[in-house]
């Protein structure tokens, strides 16, 4: 897995799958829930600040699950049903963004191509 990134980040000491990321290249870190990381160093995440109080409680309940430290958040949410009857992954997936190793934030559903391989940025 690629570990060289151009943005600042810190791992939460309290919760699994919570990290603070610099999303705008301005030195400000935002609390984010990390859904998954791929082998190219991309991070699928959503900002916790975008959630209302009910959704923050739903997320906290998922993060406090006994298996939360053993599996990616994506996999945990795929197995959870929320109190409103929705699958957690389907419910939270609408908020997910992708952070590339060079610090670009993208909508993973937008049809964009490109990435960073060995420090070389390529776009098609």
PDB file of N, CA and C in Angstrom:
ATOM      1  N   UNK A   1       0.842  -1.177   0.000  1.00  0.00           N
ATOM      2  CA  UNK A   1       0.000   0.000   0.000  1.00  0.00           C
ATOM      3  C   UNK A   1       0.886   1.239   0.000  1.00  0.00           C
ATOM      4  N   UNK A   2       0.510   2.207  -0.794  1.00  0.00           N
ATOM      5  CA  UNK A   2       1.252   3.452  -0.879  1.00  0.00           C
ATOM      6  C   UNK A   2       1.045   4.263   0.389  1.00  0.00           C
ATOM      7  N   UNK A   3       2.145   4.772   0.957  1.00  0.00           N
ATOM      8  CA  UNK A   3       2.023   5.569   2.175  1.00  0.00           C
ATOM      9  C   UNK A   3       2.470   7.008   1.973  1.00  0.00           C
ATOM     10  N   UNK A   4       3.067   7.326   0.826  1.00  0.00           N
ATOM     11  CA  UNK A   4       3.516   8.686   0.552  1.00  0.00           C
ATOM     12  C   UNK A   4       2.334   9.531   0.108  1.00  0.00           C
ATOM     13  N   UNK A   5       1.970  10.480   0.948  1.00  0.00           N
ATOM     14  CA  UNK A   5       0.862  11.370   0.620  1.00  0.00           C
ATOM     15  C   UNK A   5       1.329  12.807   0.787  1.00  0.00           C
ATOM     16  N   UNK A   6       0.656  13.719   0.079  1.00  0.00           N
ATOM     17  CA  UNK A   6       1.069  15.118   0.130  1.00  0.00           C
ATOM     18  C   UNK A   6       0.186  15.954   1.053  1.00  0.00           C
ATOM     19  N   UNK A   7      -0.714  15.339   1.776  1.00  0.00           N
ATOM     20  CA  UNK A   7      -1.600  16.075   2.670  1.00  0.00           C
ATOM     21  C   UNK A   7      -1.303  15.691   4.119  1.00  0.00           C
ATOM     22  N   UNK A   8      -1.701  16.569   5.039  1.00  0.00           N
ATOM     23  CA  UNK A   8      -1.532  16.284   6.465  1.00  0.00           C
ATOM     24  C   UNK A   8      -2.681  15.404   6.932  1.00  0.00           C
ATOM     25  N   UNK A   9      -2.397  14.519   7.879  1.00  0.00           N
ATOM     26  CA  UNK A   9      -3.454  13.688   8.442  1.00  0.00           C
ATOM     27  C   UNK A   9      -3.035  13.160   9.803  1.00  0.00           C
ATOM     28  N   UNK A  10      -4.024  12.888  10.632  1.00  0.00           N
ATOM     29  CA  UNK A  10      -3.802  12.315  11.956  1.00  0.00           C
ATOM     30  C   UNK A  10      -4.874  11.270  12.217  1.00  0.00           C
ATOM     31  N   UNK A  11      -4.482  10.207  12.893  1.00  0.00           N
ATOM     32  CA  UNK A  11      -5.418   9.144  13.259  1.00  0.00           C
ATOM     33  C   UNK A  11      -6.034   9.478  14.606  1.00  0.00           C
ATOM     34  N   UNK A  12      -7.339   9.254  14.735  1.00  0.00           N
ATOM     35  CA  UNK A  12      -8.022   9.477  16.005  1.00  0.00           C
ATOM     36  C   UNK A  12      -7.510   8.493  17.051  1.00  0.00           C
ATOM     37  N   UNK A  13      -7.317   8.971  18.246  1.00  0.00           N
ATOM     38  CA  UNK A  13      -6.893   8.095  19.340  1.00  0.00           C
ATOM     39  C   UNK A  13      -8.095   7.463  20.018  1.00  0.00           C
ATOM     40  N   UNK A  14      -9.293   8.002  19.744  1.00  0.00           N
ATOM     41  CA  UNK A  14     -10.509   7.529  20.393  1.00  0.00           C
ATOM     42  C   UNK A  14     -11.246   6.454  19.617  1.00  0.00           C
ATOM     43  N   UNK A  15     -11.435   6.678  18.326  1.00  0.00           N
ATOM     44  CA  UNK A  15     -12.304   5.814  17.535  1.00  0.00           C
ATOM     45  C   UNK A  15     -11.558   5.162  16.376  1.00  0.00           C
ATOM     46  N   UNK A  16     -11.881   3.893  16.087  1.00  0.00           N
ATOM     47  CA  UNK A  16     -11.340   3.287  14.866  1.00  0.00           C
ATOM     48  C   UNK A  16     -12.013   3.926  13.656  1.00  0.00           C
ATOM     49  N   UNK A  17     -11.331   3.987  12.549  1.00  0.00           N
ATOM     50  CA  UNK A  17     -11.847   4.478  11.273  1.00  0.00           C
ATOM     51  C   UNK A  17     -12.095   5.984  11.249  1.00  0.00           C
ATOM     52  N   UNK A  18     -11.661   6.695  12.249  1.00  0.00           N
ATOM     53  CA  UNK A  18     -11.778   8.155  12.247  1.00  0.00           C
ATOM     54  C   UNK A  18     -10.379   8.744  12.106  1.00  0.00           C
ATOM     55  N   UNK A  19     -10.233   9.628  11.140  1.00  0.00           N
ATOM     56  CA  UNK A  19      -8.968  10.322  10.915  1.00  0.00           C
ATOM     57  C   UNK A  19      -9.259  11.777  10.605  1.00  0.00           C
ATOM     58  N   UNK A  20      -8.251  12.594  10.790  1.00  0.00           N
ATOM     59  CA  UNK A  20      -8.315  14.011  10.471  1.00  0.00           C
ATOM     60  C   UNK A  20      -7.492  14.228   9.215  1.00  0.00           C
ATOM     61  N   UNK A  21      -8.109  14.792   8.160  1.00  0.00           N
ATOM     62  CA  UNK A  21      -7.448  15.001   6.875  1.00  0.00           C
ATOM     63  C   UNK A  21      -7.444  16.476   6.494  1.00  0.00           C
ATOM     64  N   UNK A  22      -6.360  16.884   5.852  1.00  0.00           N
ATOM     65  CA  UNK A  22      -6.291  18.193   5.211  1.00  0.00           C
ATOM     66  C   UNK A  22      -6.910  18.019   3.822  1.00  0.00           C
ATOM     67  N   UNK A  23      -8.076  18.593   3.610  1.00  0.00           N
ATOM     68  CA  UNK A  23      -8.816  18.360   2.374  1.00  0.00           C
ATOM     69  C   UNK A  23      -8.680  19.470   1.338  1.00  0.00           C
ATOM     70  N   UNK A  24      -8.283  20.655   1.776  1.00  0.00           N
ATOM     71  CA  UNK A  24      -8.240  21.790   0.860  1.00  0.00           C
ATOM     72  C   UNK A  24      -6.838  22.357   0.665  1.00  0.00           C
ATOM     73  N   UNK A  25      -5.828  21.675   1.163  1.00  0.00           N
ATOM     74  CA  UNK A  25      -4.464  22.161   1.016  1.00  0.00           C
ATOM     75  C   UNK A  25      -4.180  23.439   1.779  1.00  0.00           C
ATOM     76  N   UNK A  26      -4.986  23.712   2.822  1.00  0.00           N
ATOM     77  CA  UNK A  26      -4.833  24.952   3.571  1.00  0.00           C
ATOM     78  C   UNK A  26      -4.384  24.739   5.013  1.00  0.00           C
ATOM     79  N   UNK A  27      -4.018  23.517   5.361  1.00  0.00           N
ATOM     80  CA  UNK A  27      -3.545  23.229   6.710  1.00  0.00           C
ATOM     81  C   UNK A  27      -4.642  22.933   7.714  1.00  0.00           C
ATOM     82  N   UNK A  28      -5.909  23.079   7.327  1.00  0.00           N
ATOM     83  CA  UNK A  28      -7.023  22.794   8.234  1.00  0.00           C
ATOM     84  C   UNK A  28      -7.394  21.323   8.111  1.00  0.00           C
ATOM     85  N   UNK A  29      -7.467  20.637   9.251  1.00  0.00           N
ATOM     86  CA  UNK A  29      -7.795  19.214   9.262  1.00  0.00           C
ATOM     87  C   UNK A  29      -9.274  19.027   9.582  1.00  0.00           C
ATOM     88  N   UNK A  30      -9.911  18.107   8.870  1.00  0.00           N
ATOM     89  CA  UNK A  30     -11.326  17.805   9.042  1.00  0.00           C
ATOM     90  C   UNK A  30     -11.476  16.374   9.543  1.00  0.00           C
ATOM     91  N   UNK A  31     -12.379  16.184  10.503  1.00  0.00           N
ATOM     92  CA  UNK A  31     -12.646  14.846  11.020  1.00  0.00           C
ATOM     93  C   UNK A  31     -13.431  14.068   9.968  1.00  0.00           C
ATOM     94  N   UNK A  32     -12.939  12.877   9.641  1.00  0.00           N
ATOM     95  CA  UNK A  32     -13.545  12.065   8.593  1.00  0.00           C
ATOM     96  C   UNK A  32     -13.645  10.610   9.032  1.00  0.00           C
ATOM     97  N   UNK A  33     -14.657   9.940   8.525  1.00  0.00           N
ATOM     98  CA  UNK A  33     -14.792   8.500   8.703  1.00  0.00           C
ATOM     99  C   UNK A  33     -14.178   7.841   7.470  1.00  0.00           C
ATOM    100  N   UNK A  34     -13.214   6.951   7.684  1.00  0.00           N
ATOM    101  CA  UNK A  34     -12.521   6.293   6.582  1.00  0.00           C
ATOM    102  C   UNK A  34     -13.234   4.978   6.281  1.00  0.00           C
ATOM    103  N   UNK A  35     -13.815   4.913   5.106  1.00  0.00           N
ATOM    104  CA  UNK A  35     -14.549   3.726   4.694  1.00  0.00           C
ATOM    105  C   UNK A  35     -13.600   2.615   4.242  1.00  0.00           C
ATOM    106  N   UNK A  36     -12.602   3.018   3.443  1.00  0.00           N
ATOM    107  CA  UNK A  36     -11.703   2.016   2.861  1.00  0.00           C
ATOM    108  C   UNK A  36     -10.505   2.718   2.240  1.00  0.00           C
ATOM    109  N   UNK A  37      -9.394   1.996   2.174  1.00  0.00           N
ATOM    110  CA  UNK A  37      -8.190   2.448   1.465  1.00  0.00           C
ATOM    111  C   UNK A  37      -7.903   1.428   0.372  1.00  0.00           C
ATOM    112  N   UNK A  38      -7.463   1.917  -0.792  1.00  0.00           N
ATOM    113  CA  UNK A  38      -7.095   0.966  -1.836  1.00  0.00           C
ATOM    114  C   UNK A  38      -5.574   0.848  -1.931  1.00  0.00           C
ATOM    115  N   UNK A  39      -5.114  -0.037  -2.782  1.00  0.00           N
ATOM    116  CA  UNK A  39      -3.669  -0.297  -2.904  1.00  0.00           C
ATOM    117  C   UNK A  39      -2.900   0.854  -3.541  1.00  0.00           C
ATOM    118  N   UNK A  40      -3.596   1.811  -4.156  1.00  0.00           N
ATOM    119  CA  UNK A  40      -2.932   2.965  -4.772  1.00  0.00           C
ATOM    120  C   UNK A  40      -2.805   4.141  -3.815  1.00  0.00           C
ATOM    121  N   UNK A  41      -3.311   3.999  -2.589  1.00  0.00           N
ATOM    122  CA  UNK A  41      -3.231   5.069  -1.611  1.00  0.00           C
ATOM    123  C   UNK A  41      -4.441   5.980  -1.573  1.00  0.00           C
ATOM    124  N   UNK A  42      -5.466   5.680  -2.364  1.00  0.00           N
ATOM    125  CA  UNK A  42      -6.703   6.455  -2.329  1.00  0.00           C
ATOM    126  C   UNK A  42      -7.493   6.107  -1.076  1.00  0.00           C
ATOM    127  N   UNK A  43      -8.154   7.099  -0.509  1.00  0.00           N
ATOM    128  CA  UNK A  43      -8.951   6.914   0.699  1.00  0.00           C
ATOM    129  C   UNK A  43     -10.394   7.269   0.376  1.00  0.00           C
ATOM    130  N   UNK A  44     -11.305   6.342   0.637  1.00  0.00           N
ATOM    131  CA  UNK A  44     -12.724   6.627   0.533  1.00  0.00           C
ATOM    132  C   UNK A  44     -13.192   7.045   1.919  1.00  0.00           C
ATOM    133  N   UNK A  45     -13.809   8.218   2.021  1.00  0.00           N
ATOM    134  CA  UNK A  45     -14.127   8.800   3.319  1.00  0.00           C
ATOM    135  C   UNK A  45     -15.372   9.664   3.217  1.00  0.00           C
ATOM    136  N   UNK A  46     -15.891  10.090   4.367  1.00  0.00           N
ATOM    137  CA  UNK A  46     -16.859  11.178   4.408  1.00  0.00           C
ATOM    138  C   UNK A  46     -16.596  12.010   5.645  1.00  0.00           C
ATOM    139  N   UNK A  47     -16.898  13.303   5.543  1.00  0.00           N
ATOM    140  CA  UNK A  47     -16.690  14.215   6.663  1.00  0.00           C
ATOM    141  C   UNK A  47     -17.788  13.993   7.700  1.00  0.00           C
ATOM    142  N   UNK A  48     -17.383  13.836   8.951  1.00  0.00           N
ATOM    143  CA  UNK A  48     -18.375  13.641  10.005  1.00  0.00           C
ATOM    144  C   UNK A  48     -19.142  14.926  10.278  1.00  0.00           C
ATOM    145  N   UNK A  49     -18.570  16.056   9.946  1.00  0.00           N
ATOM    146  CA  UNK A  49     -19.239  17.335  10.146  1.00  0.00           C
ATOM    147  C   UNK A  49     -20.463  17.490   9.241  1.00  0.00           C
ATOM    148  N   UNK A  50     -20.527  16.698   8.169  1.00  0.00           N
ATOM    149  CA  UNK A  50     -21.664  16.745   7.253  1.00  0.00           C
ATOM    150  C   UNK A  50     -22.889  16.023   7.819  1.00  0.00           C
ATOM    151  N   UNK A  51     -22.712  15.312   8.936  1.00  0.00           N
ATOM    152  CA  UNK A  51     -23.796  14.524   9.514  1.00  0.00           C
ATOM    153  C   UNK A  51     -24.615  15.344  10.503  1.00  0.00           C
ATOM    154  N   UNK A  52     -25.912  15.057  10.577  1.00  0.00           N
ATOM    155  CA  UNK A  52     -26.729  15.651  11.635  1.00  0.00           C
ATOM    156  C   UNK A  52     -26.553  14.805  12.904  1.00  0.00           C
ATOM    157  N   UNK A  53     -27.168  15.214  13.986  1.00  0.00           N
ATOM    158  CA  UNK A  53     -26.969  14.536  15.280  1.00  0.00           C
ATOM    159  C   UNK A  53     -27.423  13.081  15.247  1.00  0.00           C
ATOM    160  N   UNK A  54     -28.516  12.794  14.563  1.00  0.00           N
ATOM    161  CA  UNK A  54     -29.011  11.410  14.475  1.00  0.00           C
ATOM    162  C   UNK A  54     -27.994  10.546  13.748  1.00  0.00           C
ATOM    163  N   UNK A  55     -27.465  11.033  12.617  1.00  0.00           N
ATOM    164  CA  UNK A  55     -26.484  10.255  11.854  1.00  0.00           C
ATOM    165  C   UNK A  55     -25.160  10.123  12.594  1.00  0.00           C
ATOM    166  N   UNK A  56     -24.793  11.131  13.380  1.00  0.00           N
ATOM    167  CA  UNK A  56     -23.573  11.017  14.193  1.00  0.00           C
ATOM    168  C   UNK A  56     -23.736   9.909  15.230  1.00  0.00           C
ATOM    169  N   UNK A  57     -24.920   9.805  15.826  1.00  0.00           N
ATOM    170  CA  UNK A  57     -25.163   8.720  16.785  1.00  0.00           C
ATOM    171  C   UNK A  57     -25.150   7.363  16.092  1.00  0.00           C
ATOM    172  N   UNK A  58     -25.720   7.307  14.899  1.00  0.00           N
ATOM    173  CA  UNK A  58     -25.692   6.052  14.126  1.00  0.00           C
ATOM    174  C   UNK A  58     -24.255   5.638  13.838  1.00  0.00           C
ATOM    175  N   UNK A  59     -23.433   6.589  13.393  1.00  0.00           N
ATOM    176  CA  UNK A  59     -22.029   6.294  13.098  1.00  0.00           C
ATOM    177  C   UNK A  59     -21.291   5.872  14.360  1.00  0.00           C
ATOM    178  N   UNK A  60     -21.508   6.570  15.466  1.00  0.00           N
ATOM    179  CA  UNK A  60     -20.837   6.219  16.722  1.00  0.00           C
ATOM    180  C   UNK A  60     -21.200   4.798  17.145  1.00  0.00           C
ATOM    181  N   UNK A  61     -22.454   4.419  16.972  1.00  0.00           N
ATOM    182  CA  UNK A  61     -22.866   3.054  17.297  1.00  0.00           C
ATOM    183  C   UNK A  61     -22.142   2.023  16.457  1.00  0.00           C
ATOM    184  N   UNK A  62     -21.937   2.325  15.184  1.00  0.00           N
ATOM    185  CA  UNK A  62     -21.203   1.417  14.300  1.00  0.00           C
ATOM    186  C   UNK A  62     -19.740   1.351  14.707  1.00  0.00           C
ATOM    187  N   UNK A  63     -19.143   2.498  15.048  1.00  0.00           N
ATOM    188  CA  UNK A  63     -17.723   2.533  15.417  1.00  0.00           C
ATOM    189  C   UNK A  63     -17.451   1.843  16.755  1.00  0.00           C
ATOM    190  N   UNK A  64     -18.465   1.741  17.605  1.00  0.00           N
ATOM    191  CA  UNK A  64     -18.275   1.095  18.900  1.00  0.00           C
ATOM    192  C   UNK A  64     -18.602  -0.399  18.853  1.00  0.00           C
ATOM    193  N   UNK A  65     -18.936  -0.907  17.682  1.00  0.00           N
ATOM    194  CA  UNK A  65     -19.169  -2.334  17.512  1.00  0.00           C
ATOM    195  C   UNK A  65     -17.917  -3.114  17.905  1.00  0.00           C
ATOM    196  N   UNK A  66     -18.091  -4.289  18.469  1.00  0.00           N
ATOM    197  CA  UNK A  66     -16.932  -5.073  18.943  1.00  0.00           C
ATOM    198  C   UNK A  66     -15.983  -5.486  17.825  1.00  0.00           C
ATOM    199  N   UNK A  67     -16.455  -5.505  16.584  1.00  0.00           N
ATOM    200  CA  UNK A  67     -15.605  -5.873  15.455  1.00  0.00           C
ATOM    201  C   UNK A  67     -15.046  -4.668  14.695  1.00  0.00           C
ATOM    202  N   UNK A  68     -15.287  -3.474  15.191  1.00  0.00           N
ATOM    203  CA  UNK A  68     -14.923  -2.268  14.448  1.00  0.00           C
ATOM    204  C   UNK A  68     -13.425  -2.159  14.157  1.00  0.00           C
ATOM    205  N   UNK A  69     -12.600  -2.633  15.040  1.00  0.00           N
ATOM    206  CA  UNK A  69     -11.148  -2.529  14.815  1.00  0.00           C
ATOM    207  C   UNK A  69     -10.606  -3.644  13.924  1.00  0.00           C
ATOM    208  N   UNK A  70     -11.416  -4.639  13.658  1.00  0.00           N
ATOM    209  CA  UNK A  70     -10.952  -5.806  12.902  1.00  0.00           C
ATOM    210  C   UNK A  70     -11.244  -5.740  11.403  1.00  0.00           C
ATOM    211  N   UNK A  71     -12.186  -4.874  10.995  1.00  0.00           N
ATOM    212  CA  UNK A  71     -12.602  -4.825   9.605  1.00  0.00           C
ATOM    213  C   UNK A  71     -12.679  -3.376   9.133  1.00  0.00           C
ATOM    214  N   UNK A  72     -12.607  -3.205   7.799  1.00  0.00           N
ATOM    215  CA  UNK A  72     -12.788  -1.873   7.235  1.00  0.00           C
ATOM    216  C   UNK A  72     -14.209  -1.415   7.503  1.00  0.00           C
ATOM    217  N   UNK A  73     -14.392  -0.116   7.639  1.00  0.00           N
ATOM    218  CA  UNK A  73     -15.709   0.448   7.914  1.00  0.00           C
ATOM    219  C   UNK A  73     -16.692   0.087   6.798  1.00  0.00           C
ATOM    220  N   UNK A  74     -16.212   0.047   5.565  1.00  0.00           N
ATOM    221  CA  UNK A  74     -17.049  -0.332   4.418  1.00  0.00           C
ATOM    222  C   UNK A  74     -17.701  -1.692   4.670  1.00  0.00           C
ATOM    223  N   UNK A  75     -16.901  -2.663   5.110  1.00  0.00           N
ATOM    224  CA  UNK A  75     -17.395  -4.022   5.341  1.00  0.00           C
ATOM    225  C   UNK A  75     -18.339  -4.087   6.543  1.00  0.00           C
ATOM    226  N   UNK A  76     -18.021  -3.328   7.578  1.00  0.00           N
ATOM    227  CA  UNK A  76     -18.883  -3.315   8.765  1.00  0.00           C
ATOM    228  C   UNK A  76     -20.247  -2.739   8.403  1.00  0.00           C
ATOM    229  N   UNK A  77     -20.252  -1.614   7.671  1.00  0.00           N
ATOM    230  CA  UNK A  77     -21.517  -0.987   7.300  1.00  0.00           C
ATOM    231  C   UNK A  77     -22.342  -1.865   6.370  1.00  0.00           C
ATOM    232  N   UNK A  78     -21.675  -2.640   5.533  1.00  0.00           N
ATOM    233  CA  UNK A  78     -22.401  -3.521   4.617  1.00  0.00           C
ATOM    234  C   UNK A  78     -23.233  -4.556   5.382  1.00  0.00           C
ATOM    235  N   UNK A  79     -22.827  -4.864   6.610  1.00  0.00           N
ATOM    236  CA  UNK A  79     -23.511  -5.875   7.415  1.00  0.00           C
ATOM    237  C   UNK A  79     -24.499  -5.290   8.423  1.00  0.00           C
ATOM    238  N   UNK A  80     -24.589  -3.960   8.517  1.00  0.00           N
ATOM    239  CA  UNK A  80     -25.419  -3.301   9.535  1.00  0.00           C
ATOM    240  C   UNK A  80     -26.727  -2.777   8.958  1.00  0.00           C
ATOM    241  N   UNK A  81     -27.784  -2.933   9.730  1.00  0.00           N
ATOM    242  CA  UNK A  81     -29.074  -2.319   9.420  1.00  0.00           C
ATOM    243  C   UNK A  81     -29.319  -1.237  10.456  1.00  0.00           C
ATOM    244  N   UNK A  82     -29.626  -0.041   9.991  1.00  0.00           N
ATOM    245  CA  UNK A  82     -29.884   1.081  10.887  1.00  0.00           C
ATOM    246  C   UNK A  82     -31.295   0.982  11.454  1.00  0.00           C
ATOM    247  N   UNK A  83     -31.569   1.762  12.483  1.00  0.00           N
ATOM    248  CA  UNK A  83     -32.875   1.772  13.125  1.00  0.00           C
ATOM    249  C   UNK A  83     -34.011   2.145  12.191  1.00  0.00           C
ATOM    250  N   UNK A  84     -33.697   2.856  11.102  1.00  0.00           N
ATOM    251  CA  UNK A  84     -34.729   3.236  10.135  1.00  0.00           C
ATOM    252  C   UNK A  84     -34.958   2.155   9.085  1.00  0.00           C
ATOM    253  N   UNK A  85     -34.279   1.009   9.225  1.00  0.00           N
ATOM    254  CA  UNK A  85     -34.450  -0.111   8.302  1.00  0.00           C
ATOM    255  C   UNK A  85     -33.521  -0.092   7.107  1.00  0.00           C
ATOM    256  N   UNK A  86     -32.718   0.948   6.945  1.00  0.00           N
ATOM    257  CA  UNK A  86     -31.793   1.053   5.820  1.00  0.00           C
ATOM    258  C   UNK A  86     -30.485   0.333   6.119  1.00  0.00           C
ATOM    259  N   UNK A  87     -29.858  -0.170   5.074  1.00  0.00           N
ATOM    260  CA  UNK A  87     -28.517  -0.706   5.201  1.00  0.00           C
ATOM    261  C   UNK A  87     -27.565   0.463   5.415  1.00  0.00           C
ATOM    262  N   UNK A  88     -26.670   0.353   6.381  1.00  0.00           N
ATOM    263  CA  UNK A  88     -25.769   1.455   6.732  1.00  0.00           C
ATOM    264  C   UNK A  88     -24.890   1.877   5.558  1.00  0.00           C
ATOM    265  N   UNK A  89     -24.373   0.921   4.786  1.00  0.00           N
ATOM    266  CA  UNK A  89     -23.517   1.265   3.654  1.00  0.00           C
ATOM    267  C   UNK A  89     -24.301   2.033   2.595  1.00  0.00           C
ATOM    268  N   UNK A  90     -25.483   1.568   2.274  1.00  0.00           N
ATOM    269  CA  UNK A  90     -26.312   2.278   1.292  1.00  0.00           C
ATOM    270  C   UNK A  90     -26.652   3.681   1.777  1.00  0.00           C
ATOM    271  N   UNK A  91     -26.914   3.812   3.057  1.00  0.00           N
ATOM    272  CA  UNK A  91     -27.310   5.089   3.633  1.00  0.00           C
ATOM    273  C   UNK A  91     -26.164   6.102   3.619  1.00  0.00           C
ATOM    274  N   UNK A  92     -24.972   5.701   4.082  1.00  0.00           N
ATOM    275  CA  UNK A  92     -23.847   6.633   4.187  1.00  0.00           C
ATOM    276  C   UNK A  92     -23.078   6.785   2.878  1.00  0.00           C
ATOM    277  N   UNK A  93     -23.249   5.865   1.937  1.00  0.00           N
ATOM    278  CA  UNK A  93     -22.477   5.891   0.695  1.00  0.00           C
ATOM    279  C   UNK A  93     -22.675   7.172  -0.100  1.00  0.00           C
ATOM    280  N   UNK A  94     -23.824   7.808   0.025  1.00  0.00           N
ATOM    281  CA  UNK A  94     -24.091   9.042  -0.710  1.00  0.00           C
ATOM    282  C   UNK A  94     -23.142  10.179  -0.327  1.00  0.00           C
ATOM    283  N   UNK A  95     -22.510  10.081   0.847  1.00  0.00           N
ATOM    284  CA  UNK A  95     -21.599  11.128   1.331  1.00  0.00           C
ATOM    285  C   UNK A  95     -20.134  10.866   0.985  1.00  0.00           C
ATOM    286  N   UNK A  96     -19.826   9.679   0.494  1.00  0.00           N
ATOM    287  CA  UNK A  96     -18.443   9.245   0.317  1.00  0.00           C
ATOM    288  C   UNK A  96     -17.735  10.026  -0.785  1.00  0.00           C
ATOM    289  N   UNK A  97     -16.517  10.438  -0.470  1.00  0.00           N
ATOM    290  CA  UNK A  97     -15.618  11.091  -1.412  1.00  0.00           C
ATOM    291  C   UNK A  97     -14.308  10.310  -1.433  1.00  0.00           C
ATOM    292  N   UNK A  98     -13.486  10.601  -2.438  1.00  0.00           N
ATOM    293  CA  UNK A  98     -12.192   9.931  -2.577  1.00  0.00           C
ATOM    294  C   UNK A  98     -11.091  10.959  -2.432  1.00  0.00           C
ATOM    295  N   UNK A  99     -10.125  10.658  -1.567  1.00  0.00           N
ATOM    296  CA  UNK A  99      -8.939  11.498  -1.382  1.00  0.00           C
ATOM    297  C   UNK A  99      -7.765  10.774  -2.018  1.00  0.00           C
ATOM    298  N   UNK A 100      -7.161  11.400  -3.031  1.00  0.00           N
ATOM    299  CA  UNK A 100      -6.029  10.788  -3.723  1.00  0.00           C
ATOM    300  C   UNK A 100      -4.741  11.051  -2.947  1.00  0.00           C
ATOM    301  N   UNK A 101      -3.686  10.295  -3.213  1.00  0.00           N
ATOM    302  CA  UNK A 101      -2.418  10.512  -2.500  1.00  0.00           C
ATOM    303  C   UNK A 101      -1.848  11.916  -2.651  1.00  0.00           C
ATOM    304  N   UNK A 102      -2.170  12.593  -3.739  1.00  0.00           N
ATOM    305  CA  UNK A 102      -1.661  13.957  -3.917  1.00  0.00           C
ATOM    306  C   UNK A 102      -2.613  15.008  -3.354  1.00  0.00           C
ATOM    307  N   UNK A 103      -3.644  14.573  -2.585  1.00  0.00           N
ATOM    308  CA  UNK A 103      -4.494  15.502  -1.859  1.00  0.00           C
ATOM    309  C   UNK A 103      -5.719  16.007  -2.589  1.00  0.00           C
ATOM    310  N   UNK A 104      -6.029  15.459  -3.740  1.00  0.00           N
ATOM    311  CA  UNK A 104      -7.225  15.878  -4.476  1.00  0.00           C
ATOM    312  C   UNK A 104      -8.434  15.123  -3.943  1.00  0.00           C
ATOM    313  N   UNK A 105      -9.542  15.845  -3.774  1.00  0.00           N
ATOM    314  CA  UNK A 105     -10.789  15.232  -3.341  1.00  0.00           C
ATOM    315  C   UNK A 105     -11.691  15.112  -4.563  1.00  0.00           C
ATOM    316  N   UNK A 106     -12.180  13.884  -4.788  1.00  0.00           N
ATOM    317  CA  UNK A 106     -13.014  13.613  -5.958  1.00  0.00           C
ATOM    318  C   UNK A 106     -14.295  12.909  -5.526  1.00  0.00           C
ATOM    319  N   UNK A 107     -15.303  13.019  -6.360  1.00  0.00           N
ATOM    320  CA  UNK A 107     -16.513  12.237  -6.193  1.00  0.00           C
ATOM    321  C   UNK A 107     -16.248  10.905  -6.894  1.00  0.00           C
ATOM    322  N   UNK A 108     -16.254   9.786  -6.165  1.00  0.00           N
ATOM    323  CA  UNK A 108     -15.897   8.514  -6.800  1.00  0.00           C
ATOM    324  C   UNK A 108     -16.905   8.054  -7.847  1.00  0.00           C
ATOM    325  N   UNK A 109     -18.048   8.688  -7.921  1.00  0.00           N
ATOM    326  CA  UNK A 109     -19.070   8.312  -8.881  1.00  0.00           C
ATOM    327  C   UNK A 109     -19.127   9.248 -10.073  1.00  0.00           C
ATOM    328  N   UNK A 110     -18.182  10.162 -10.198  1.00  0.00           N
ATOM    329  CA  UNK A 110     -18.291  11.204 -11.216  1.00  0.00           C
ATOM    330  C   UNK A 110     -17.745  10.804 -12.583  1.00  0.00           C
ATOM    331  N   UNK A 111     -17.113   9.654 -12.686  1.00  0.00           N
ATOM    332  CA  UNK A 111     -16.581   9.224 -13.969  1.00  0.00           C
ATOM    333  C   UNK A 111     -15.215   9.788 -14.298  1.00  0.00           C
ATOM    334  N   UNK A 112     -14.513  10.331 -13.302  1.00  0.00           N
ATOM    335  CA  UNK A 112     -13.177  10.870 -13.535  1.00  0.00           C
ATOM    336  C   UNK A 112     -12.168   9.731 -13.568  1.00  0.00           C
ATOM    337  N   UNK A 113     -11.107   9.938 -14.350  1.00  0.00           N
ATOM    338  CA  UNK A 113     -10.032   8.951 -14.408  1.00  0.00           C
ATOM    339  C   UNK A 113      -8.733   9.634 -14.052  1.00  0.00           C
ATOM    340  N   UNK A 114      -7.800   8.856 -13.565  1.00  0.00           N
ATOM    341  CA  UNK A 114      -6.487   9.392 -13.236  1.00  0.00           C
ATOM    342  C   UNK A 114      -6.042   8.849 -11.904  1.00  0.00           C
ATOM    343  N   UNK A 115      -4.817   9.110 -11.567  1.00  0.00           N
ATOM    344  CA  UNK A 115      -4.305   8.632 -10.297  1.00  0.00           C
ATOM    345  C   UNK A 115      -2.833   8.902 -10.180  1.00  0.00           C
ATOM    346  N   UNK A 116      -2.278   8.499  -9.066  1.00  0.00           N
ATOM    347  CA  UNK A 116      -0.870   8.688  -8.823  1.00  0.00           C
ATOM    348  C   UNK A 116      -0.208   7.326  -8.714  1.00  0.00           C
ATOM    349  N   UNK A 117       0.784   7.097  -9.555  1.00  0.00           N
ATOM    350  CA  UNK A 117       1.536   5.850  -9.510  1.00  0.00           C
ATOM    351  C   UNK A 117       3.007   6.195  -9.354  1.00  0.00           C
ATOM    352  N   UNK A 118       3.594   5.761  -8.276  1.00  0.00           N
ATOM    353  CA  UNK A 118       5.027   5.996  -7.999  1.00  0.00           C
ATOM    354  C   UNK A 118       5.388   7.474  -8.123  1.00  0.00           C
ATOM    355  N   UNK A 119       4.495   8.332  -7.636  1.00  0.00           N
ATOM    356  CA  UNK A 119       4.789   9.759  -7.634  1.00  0.00           C
ATOM    357  C   UNK A 119       4.515  10.472  -8.937  1.00  0.00           C
ATOM    358  N   UNK A 120       4.065   9.732  -9.962  1.00  0.00           N
ATOM    359  CA  UNK A 120       3.778  10.330 -11.255  1.00  0.00           C
ATOM    360  C   UNK A 120       2.258  10.438 -11.387  1.00  0.00           C
ATOM    361  N   UNK A 121       1.786  11.618 -11.651  1.00  0.00           N
ATOM    362  CA  UNK A 121       0.353  11.826 -11.810  1.00  0.00           C
ATOM    363  C   UNK A 121       0.005  11.656 -13.282  1.00  0.00           C
ATOM    364  N   UNK A 122      -0.962  10.768 -13.539  1.00  0.00           N
ATOM    365  CA  UNK A 122      -1.396  10.571 -14.929  1.00  0.00           C
ATOM    366  C   UNK A 122      -2.891  10.821 -15.010  1.00  0.00           C
ATOM    367  N   UNK A 123      -3.312  11.473 -16.064  1.00  0.00           N
ATOM    368  CA  UNK A 123      -4.734  11.655 -16.323  1.00  0.00           C
ATOM    369  C   UNK A 123      -5.013  11.273 -17.763  1.00  0.00           C
ATOM    370  N   UNK A 124      -6.184  10.805 -17.997  1.00  0.00           N
ATOM    371  CA  UNK A 124      -6.566  10.392 -19.340  1.00  0.00           C
ATOM    372  C   UNK A 124      -7.629  11.323 -19.856  1.00  0.00           C
TER     373      UNK A 124
END
